[in-house]
Amino acid sequence: MTKKKGKDLCPFCGGLKKPGTTTFTAELGFGVVVVRHVPASVCSQCGADWISDKTAAKLETLVKEAKTKKLEVEVTALG
């Protein structure tokens, strides 16, 4: 059996990637940022997830803002 290749297939297990959400966590050294409900493509078989470049840029902005606040824990959500 050969695995099909394609944009909608997981490169790890060959499962189908579907729209969903994930949780993003960043360790800042002095604290942590947790962003829930992040839009992502999620493998229906193994659960691996991928975020778009646009979403990654939003996450970078949130992390930069959290660094300036210097909080131990910052929990927020996208979407």
PDB file of N, CA and C in Angstrom:
ATOM      1  N   MET A   1       0.840  -1.170   0.000  1.00  0.00           N
ATOM      2  CA  MET A   1       0.000   0.000   0.000  1.00  0.00           C
ATOM      3  C   MET A   1       0.889   1.239   0.000  1.00  0.00           C
ATOM      4  N   THR A   2       0.655   2.149  -0.899  1.00  0.00           N
ATOM      5  CA  THR A   2       1.423   3.387  -0.962  1.00  0.00           C
ATOM      6  C   THR A   2       0.591   4.536  -0.426  1.00  0.00           C
ATOM      7  N   LYS A   3       1.267   5.439   0.271  1.00  0.00           N
ATOM      8  CA  LYS A   3       0.580   6.605   0.808  1.00  0.00           C
ATOM      9  C   LYS A   3       0.432   7.657  -0.284  1.00  0.00           C
ATOM     10  N   LYS A   4      -0.733   8.267  -0.340  1.00  0.00           N
ATOM     11  CA  LYS A   4      -0.956   9.349  -1.280  1.00  0.00           C
ATOM     12  C   LYS A   4      -0.279  10.606  -0.756  1.00  0.00           C
ATOM     13  N   LYS A   5       0.240  11.397  -1.657  1.00  0.00           N
ATOM     14  CA  LYS A   5       0.846  12.661  -1.271  1.00  0.00           C
ATOM     15  C   LYS A   5      -0.087  13.787  -1.666  1.00  0.00           C
ATOM     16  N   GLY A   6      -0.120  14.822  -0.861  1.00  0.00           N
ATOM     17  CA  GLY A   6      -0.965  15.957  -1.181  1.00  0.00           C
ATOM     18  C   GLY A   6      -0.975  16.951  -0.052  1.00  0.00           C
ATOM     19  N   LYS A   7      -1.475  18.130  -0.374  1.00  0.00           N
ATOM     20  CA  LYS A   7      -1.512  19.216   0.603  1.00  0.00           C
ATOM     21  C   LYS A   7      -2.399  18.872   1.795  1.00  0.00           C
ATOM     22  N   ASP A   8      -3.442  18.086   1.585  1.00  0.00           N
ATOM     23  CA  ASP A   8      -4.387  17.765   2.643  1.00  0.00           C
ATOM     24  C   ASP A   8      -4.052  16.486   3.405  1.00  0.00           C
ATOM     25  N   LEU A   9      -2.882  15.894   3.114  1.00  0.00           N
ATOM     26  CA  LEU A   9      -2.491  14.677   3.811  1.00  0.00           C
ATOM     27  C   LEU A   9      -1.350  14.949   4.778  1.00  0.00           C
ATOM     28  N   CYS A  10      -1.424  14.328   5.930  1.00  0.00           N
ATOM     29  CA  CYS A  10      -0.393  14.469   6.959  1.00  0.00           C
ATOM     30  C   CYS A  10       0.910  13.838   6.472  1.00  0.00           C
ATOM     31  N   PRO A  11       2.022  14.575   6.543  1.00  0.00           N
ATOM     32  CA  PRO A  11       3.297  14.012   6.110  1.00  0.00           C
ATOM     33  C   PRO A  11       3.840  12.971   7.086  1.00  0.00           C
ATOM     34  N   PHE A  12       3.292  12.900   8.293  1.00  0.00           N
ATOM     35  CA  PHE A  12       3.770  11.955   9.299  1.00  0.00           C
ATOM     36  C   PHE A  12       3.094  10.592   9.185  1.00  0.00           C
ATOM     37  N   CYS A  13       1.753  10.598   9.046  1.00  0.00           N
ATOM     38  CA  CYS A  13       1.034   9.322   9.069  1.00  0.00           C
ATOM     39  C   CYS A  13       0.186   9.078   7.828  1.00  0.00           C
ATOM     40  N   GLY A  14       0.006  10.109   6.980  1.00  0.00           N
ATOM     41  CA  GLY A  14      -0.812   9.958   5.786  1.00  0.00           C
ATOM     42  C   GLY A  14      -2.291  10.205   6.023  1.00  0.00           C
ATOM     43  N   GLY A  15      -2.653  10.574   7.266  1.00  0.00           N
ATOM     44  CA  GLY A  15      -4.046  10.875   7.575  1.00  0.00           C
ATOM     45  C   GLY A  15      -4.493  12.169   6.907  1.00  0.00           C
ATOM     46  N   LEU A  16      -5.777  12.424   6.953  1.00  0.00           N
ATOM     47  CA  LEU A  16      -6.358  13.603   6.326  1.00  0.00           C
ATOM     48  C   LEU A  16      -6.264  14.805   7.275  1.00  0.00           C
ATOM     49  N   LYS A  17      -5.738  15.932   6.768  1.00  0.00           N
ATOM     50  CA  LYS A  17      -5.698  17.173   7.545  1.00  0.00           C
ATOM     51  C   LYS A  17      -7.024  17.898   7.359  1.00  0.00           C
ATOM     52  N   LYS A  18      -7.621  18.307   8.479  1.00  0.00           N
ATOM     53  CA  LYS A  18      -8.905  19.003   8.445  1.00  0.00           C
ATOM     54  C   LYS A  18      -8.800  20.295   9.243  1.00  0.00           C
ATOM     55  N   PRO A  19      -9.632  21.292   8.934  1.00  0.00           N
ATOM     56  CA  PRO A  19      -9.637  22.526   9.720  1.00  0.00           C
ATOM     57  C   PRO A  19     -10.031  22.224  11.168  1.00  0.00           C
ATOM     58  N   GLY A  20      -9.342  22.887  12.086  1.00  0.00           N
ATOM     59  CA  GLY A  20      -9.619  22.698  13.504  1.00  0.00           C
ATOM     60  C   GLY A  20      -8.923  23.778  14.315  1.00  0.00           C
ATOM     61  N   THR A  21      -8.671  23.489  15.564  1.00  0.00           N
ATOM     62  CA  THR A  21      -7.950  24.429  16.426  1.00  0.00           C
ATOM     63  C   THR A  21      -6.905  23.681  17.235  1.00  0.00           C
ATOM     64  N   THR A  22      -5.956  24.448  17.767  1.00  0.00           N
ATOM     65  CA  THR A  22      -4.909  23.897  18.602  1.00  0.00           C
ATOM     66  C   THR A  22      -4.614  24.894  19.723  1.00  0.00           C
ATOM     67  N   THR A  23      -3.751  24.511  20.626  1.00  0.00           N
ATOM     68  CA  THR A  23      -3.289  25.397  21.693  1.00  0.00           C
ATOM     69  C   THR A  23      -1.811  25.649  21.473  1.00  0.00           C
ATOM     70  N   PHE A  24      -1.415  26.917  21.506  1.00  0.00           N
ATOM     71  CA  PHE A  24      -0.026  27.330  21.315  1.00  0.00           C
ATOM     72  C   PHE A  24       0.534  27.748  22.672  1.00  0.00           C
ATOM     73  N   THR A  25       1.733  27.279  23.003  1.00  0.00           N
ATOM     74  CA  THR A  25       2.388  27.641  24.260  1.00  0.00           C
ATOM     75  C   THR A  25       3.796  28.124  23.966  1.00  0.00           C
ATOM     76  N   ALA A  26       4.200  29.230  24.619  1.00  0.00           N
ATOM     77  CA  ALA A  26       5.561  29.755  24.467  1.00  0.00           C
ATOM     78  C   ALA A  26       6.153  29.987  25.846  1.00  0.00           C
ATOM     79  N   GLU A  27       7.318  29.407  26.085  1.00  0.00           N
ATOM     80  CA  GLU A  27       8.056  29.616  27.330  1.00  0.00           C
ATOM     81  C   GLU A  27       8.918  30.858  27.159  1.00  0.00           C
ATOM     82  N   LEU A  28       8.780  31.827  28.076  1.00  0.00           N
ATOM     83  CA  LEU A  28       9.498  33.092  27.955  1.00  0.00           C
ATOM     84  C   LEU A  28      10.693  33.204  28.901  1.00  0.00           C
ATOM     85  N   GLY A  29      10.930  32.190  29.699  1.00  0.00           N
ATOM     86  CA  GLY A  29      12.020  32.257  30.667  1.00  0.00           C
ATOM     87  C   GLY A  29      11.527  32.727  32.028  1.00  0.00           C
ATOM     88  N   PHE A  30      10.794  33.824  32.049  1.00  0.00           N
ATOM     89  CA  PHE A  30      10.219  34.354  33.288  1.00  0.00           C
ATOM     90  C   PHE A  30       8.745  33.995  33.423  1.00  0.00           C
ATOM     91  N   GLY A  31       8.170  33.446  32.378  1.00  0.00           N
ATOM     92  CA  GLY A  31       6.752  33.108  32.377  1.00  0.00           C
ATOM     93  C   GLY A  31       6.383  32.316  31.138  1.00  0.00           C
ATOM     94  N   VAL A  32       5.093  32.154  30.950  1.00  0.00           N
ATOM     95  CA  VAL A  32       4.606  31.361  29.834  1.00  0.00           C
ATOM     96  C   VAL A  32       3.375  32.039  29.227  1.00  0.00           C
ATOM     97  N   VAL A  33       3.241  31.904  27.909  1.00  0.00           N
ATOM     98  CA  VAL A  33       2.075  32.399  27.182  1.00  0.00           C
ATOM     99  C   VAL A  33       1.331  31.187  26.638  1.00  0.00           C
ATOM    100  N   VAL A  34       0.034  31.141  26.885  1.00  0.00           N
ATOM    101  CA  VAL A  34      -0.812  30.076  26.367  1.00  0.00           C
ATOM    102  C   VAL A  34      -1.909  30.731  25.527  1.00  0.00           C
ATOM    103  N   VAL A  35      -2.016  30.324  24.271  1.00  0.00           N
ATOM    104  CA  VAL A  35      -3.049  30.855  23.383  1.00  0.00           C
ATOM    105  C   VAL A  35      -3.928  29.681  22.975  1.00  0.00           C
ATOM    106  N   ARG A  36      -5.190  29.759  23.345  1.00  0.00           N
ATOM    107  CA  ARG A  36      -6.144  28.694  23.043  1.00  0.00           C
ATOM    108  C   ARG A  36      -6.945  29.033  21.789  1.00  0.00           C
ATOM    109  N   HIS A  37      -7.557  28.033  21.223  1.00  0.00           N
ATOM    110  CA  HIS A  37      -8.443  28.183  20.058  1.00  0.00           C
ATOM    111  C   HIS A  37      -7.716  28.784  18.846  1.00  0.00           C
ATOM    112  N   VAL A  38      -6.493  28.348  18.613  1.00  0.00           N
ATOM    113  CA  VAL A  38      -5.704  28.816  17.467  1.00  0.00           C
ATOM    114  C   VAL A  38      -6.143  28.037  16.223  1.00  0.00           C
ATOM    115  N   PRO A  39      -6.596  28.734  15.171  1.00  0.00           N
ATOM    116  CA  PRO A  39      -6.977  28.023  13.943  1.00  0.00           C
ATOM    117  C   PRO A  39      -5.791  27.245  13.372  1.00  0.00           C
ATOM    118  N   ALA A  40      -6.059  26.011  12.966  1.00  0.00           N
ATOM    119  CA  ALA A  40      -4.984  25.155  12.461  1.00  0.00           C
ATOM    120  C   ALA A  40      -5.562  24.077  11.559  1.00  0.00           C
ATOM    121  N   SER A  41      -4.675  23.434  10.810  1.00  0.00           N
ATOM    122  CA  SER A  41      -5.013  22.199  10.106  1.00  0.00           C
ATOM    123  C   SER A  41      -4.576  21.078  11.037  1.00  0.00           C
ATOM    124  N   VAL A  42      -5.478  20.160  11.322  1.00  0.00           N
ATOM    125  CA  VAL A  42      -5.200  19.102  12.289  1.00  0.00           C
ATOM    126  C   VAL A  42      -5.406  17.743  11.631  1.00  0.00           C
ATOM    127  N   CYS A  43      -4.438  16.859  11.797  1.00  0.00           N
ATOM    128  CA  CYS A  43      -4.548  15.513  11.235  1.00  0.00           C
ATOM    129  C   CYS A  43      -5.622  14.739  11.985  1.00  0.00           C
ATOM    130  N   SER A  44      -6.558  14.170  11.239  1.00  0.00           N
ATOM    131  CA  SER A  44      -7.651  13.412  11.847  1.00  0.00           C
ATOM    132  C   SER A  44      -7.186  12.063  12.396  1.00  0.00           C
ATOM    133  N   GLN A  45      -5.987  11.643  12.010  1.00  0.00           N
ATOM    134  CA  GLN A  45      -5.493  10.338  12.448  1.00  0.00           C
ATOM    135  C   GLN A  45      -4.526  10.446  13.634  1.00  0.00           C
ATOM    136  N   CYS A  46      -3.490  11.305  13.524  1.00  0.00           N
ATOM    137  CA  CYS A  46      -2.470  11.358  14.583  1.00  0.00           C
ATOM    138  C   CYS A  46      -2.531  12.627  15.430  1.00  0.00           C
ATOM    139  N   GLY A  47      -3.320  13.628  15.002  1.00  0.00           N
ATOM    140  CA  GLY A  47      -3.478  14.847  15.791  1.00  0.00           C
ATOM    141  C   GLY A  47      -2.417  15.908  15.575  1.00  0.00           C
ATOM    142  N   ALA A  48      -1.449  15.660  14.697  1.00  0.00           N
ATOM    143  CA  ALA A  48      -0.434  16.685  14.403  1.00  0.00           C
ATOM    144  C   ALA A  48      -1.141  17.920  13.861  1.00  0.00           C
ATOM    145  N   ASP A  49      -0.563  19.112  14.137  1.00  0.00           N
ATOM    146  CA  ASP A  49      -1.237  20.328  13.692  1.00  0.00           C
ATOM    147  C   ASP A  49      -0.274  21.292  13.017  1.00  0.00           C
ATOM    148  N   TRP A  50      -0.840  22.126  12.145  1.00  0.00           N
ATOM    149  CA  TRP A  50      -0.098  23.129  11.390  1.00  0.00           C
ATOM    150  C   TRP A  50      -0.872  24.434  11.427  1.00  0.00           C
ATOM    151  N   ILE A  51      -0.141  25.554  11.578  1.00  0.00           N
ATOM    152  CA  ILE A  51      -0.777  26.867  11.556  1.00  0.00           C
ATOM    153  C   ILE A  51      -0.297  27.638  10.334  1.00  0.00           C
ATOM    154  N   SER A  52      -1.117  28.553   9.867  1.00  0.00           N
ATOM    155  CA  SER A  52      -0.767  29.345   8.686  1.00  0.00           C
ATOM    156  C   SER A  52       0.246  30.429   9.064  1.00  0.00           C
ATOM    157  N   ASP A  53       0.886  30.999   8.056  1.00  0.00           N
ATOM    158  CA  ASP A  53       1.836  32.088   8.286  1.00  0.00           C
ATOM    159  C   ASP A  53       1.142  33.294   8.910  1.00  0.00           C
ATOM    160  N   LYS A  54      -0.072  33.562   8.474  1.00  0.00           N
ATOM    161  CA  LYS A  54      -0.838  34.694   9.015  1.00  0.00           C
ATOM    162  C   LYS A  54      -1.118  34.484  10.506  1.00  0.00           C
ATOM    163  N   THR A  55      -1.500  33.285  10.880  1.00  0.00           N
ATOM    164  CA  THR A  55      -1.757  32.974  12.287  1.00  0.00           C
ATOM    165  C   THR A  55      -0.468  33.029  13.090  1.00  0.00           C
ATOM    166  N   ALA A  56       0.622  32.541  12.518  1.00  0.00           N
ATOM    167  CA  ALA A  56       1.923  32.590  13.207  1.00  0.00           C
ATOM    168  C   ALA A  56       2.328  34.033  13.490  1.00  0.00           C
ATOM    169  N   ALA A  57       2.051  34.930  12.567  1.00  0.00           N
ATOM    170  CA  ALA A  57       2.373  36.348  12.774  1.00  0.00           C
ATOM    171  C   ALA A  57       1.563  36.922  13.934  1.00  0.00           C
ATOM    172  N   LYS A  58       0.292  36.541  14.030  1.00  0.00           N
ATOM    173  CA  LYS A  58      -0.539  36.988  15.151  1.00  0.00           C
ATOM    174  C   LYS A  58       0.012  36.461  16.478  1.00  0.00           C
ATOM    175  N   LEU A  59       0.446  35.204  16.472  1.00  0.00           N
ATOM    176  CA  LEU A  59       1.011  34.613  17.686  1.00  0.00           C
ATOM    177  C   LEU A  59       2.297  35.324  18.102  1.00  0.00           C
ATOM    178  N   GLU A  60       3.133  35.663  17.124  1.00  0.00           N
ATOM    179  CA  GLU A  60       4.368  36.407  17.425  1.00  0.00           C
ATOM    180  C   GLU A  60       4.053  37.742  18.087  1.00  0.00           C
ATOM    181  N   THR A  61       3.028  38.428  17.596  1.00  0.00           N
ATOM    182  CA  THR A  61       2.622  39.704  18.182  1.00  0.00           C
ATOM    183  C   THR A  61       2.158  39.510  19.623  1.00  0.00           C
ATOM    184  N   LEU A  62       1.367  38.476  19.873  1.00  0.00           N
ATOM    185  CA  LEU A  62       0.902  38.196  21.231  1.00  0.00           C
ATOM    186  C   LEU A  62       2.057  37.886  22.175  1.00  0.00           C
ATOM    187  N   VAL A  63       3.042  37.146  21.702  1.00  0.00           N
ATOM    188  CA  VAL A  63       4.201  36.809  22.528  1.00  0.00           C
ATOM    189  C   VAL A  63       5.013  38.069  22.840  1.00  0.00           C
ATOM    190  N   LYS A  64       5.209  38.937  21.843  1.00  0.00           N
ATOM    191  CA  LYS A  64       5.926  40.189  22.074  1.00  0.00           C
ATOM    192  C   LYS A  64       5.221  41.046  23.118  1.00  0.00           C
ATOM    193  N   GLU A  65       3.892  41.127  23.025  1.00  0.00           N
ATOM    194  CA  GLU A  65       3.108  41.897  23.996  1.00  0.00           C
ATOM    195  C   GLU A  65       3.247  41.309  25.399  1.00  0.00           C
ATOM    196  N   ALA A  66       3.222  39.987  25.493  1.00  0.00           N
ATOM    197  CA  ALA A  66       3.362  39.324  26.790  1.00  0.00           C
ATOM    198  C   ALA A  66       4.735  39.588  27.397  1.00  0.00           C
ATOM    199  N   LYS A  67       5.760  39.638  26.556  1.00  0.00           N
ATOM    200  CA  LYS A  67       7.112  39.925  27.055  1.00  0.00           C
ATOM    201  C   LYS A  67       7.175  41.311  27.682  1.00  0.00           C
ATOM    202  N   THR A  68       6.483  42.280  27.086  1.00  0.00           N
ATOM    203  CA  THR A  68       6.519  43.638  27.634  1.00  0.00           C
ATOM    204  C   THR A  68       5.747  43.730  28.949  1.00  0.00           C
ATOM    205  N   LYS A  69       4.727  42.896  29.117  1.00  0.00           N
ATOM    206  CA  LYS A  69       3.945  42.887  30.364  1.00  0.00           C
ATOM    207  C   LYS A  69       4.687  42.207  31.509  1.00  0.00           C
ATOM    208  N   LYS A  70       5.606  41.292  31.167  1.00  0.00           N
ATOM    209  CA  LYS A  70       6.394  40.535  32.134  1.00  0.00           C
ATOM    210  C   LYS A  70       5.532  39.794  33.159  1.00  0.00           C
ATOM    211  N   LEU A  71       4.428  39.240  32.699  1.00  0.00           N
ATOM    212  CA  LEU A  71       3.586  38.428  33.561  1.00  0.00           C
ATOM    213  C   LEU A  71       4.110  36.990  33.611  1.00  0.00           C
ATOM    214  N   GLU A  72       3.870  36.307  34.730  1.00  0.00           N
ATOM    215  CA  GLU A  72       4.298  34.917  34.814  1.00  0.00           C
ATOM    216  C   GLU A  72       3.471  34.022  33.899  1.00  0.00           C
ATOM    217  N   VAL A  73       2.171  34.307  33.813  1.00  0.00           N
ATOM    218  CA  VAL A  73       1.283  33.524  32.960  1.00  0.00           C
ATOM    219  C   VAL A  73       0.366  34.463  32.206  1.00  0.00           C
ATOM    220  N   GLU A  74       0.296  34.261  30.899  1.00  0.00           N
ATOM    221  CA  GLU A  74      -0.634  35.013  30.045  1.00  0.00           C
ATOM    222  C   GLU A  74      -1.435  33.971  29.283  1.00  0.00           C
ATOM    223  N   VAL A  75      -2.760  33.951  29.466  1.00  0.00           N
ATOM    224  CA  VAL A  75      -3.626  33.009  28.757  1.00  0.00           C
ATOM    225  C   VAL A  75      -4.610  33.837  27.953  1.00  0.00           C
ATOM    226  N   THR A  76      -4.677  33.570  26.666  1.00  0.00           N
ATOM    227  CA  THR A  76      -5.580  34.302  25.784  1.00  0.00           C
ATOM    228  C   THR A  76      -6.113  33.340  24.728  1.00  0.00           C
ATOM    229  N   ALA A  77      -6.916  33.833  23.822  1.00  0.00           N
ATOM    230  CA  ALA A  77      -7.478  32.980  22.763  1.00  0.00           C
ATOM    231  C   ALA A  77      -7.539  33.743  21.459  1.00  0.00           C
ATOM    232  N   LEU A  78      -7.419  33.030  20.360  1.00  0.00           N
ATOM    233  CA  LEU A  78      -7.636  33.574  19.023  1.00  0.00           C
ATOM    234  C   LEU A  78      -8.977  33.056  18.546  1.00  0.00           C
ATOM    235  N   GLY A  79      -9.624  33.834  17.719  1.00  0.00           N
ATOM    236  CA  GLY A  79     -10.859  33.367  17.095  1.00  0.00           C
ATOM    237  C   GLY A  79     -12.023  33.356  17.967  1.00  0.00           C
TER     238      GLY A  79
END
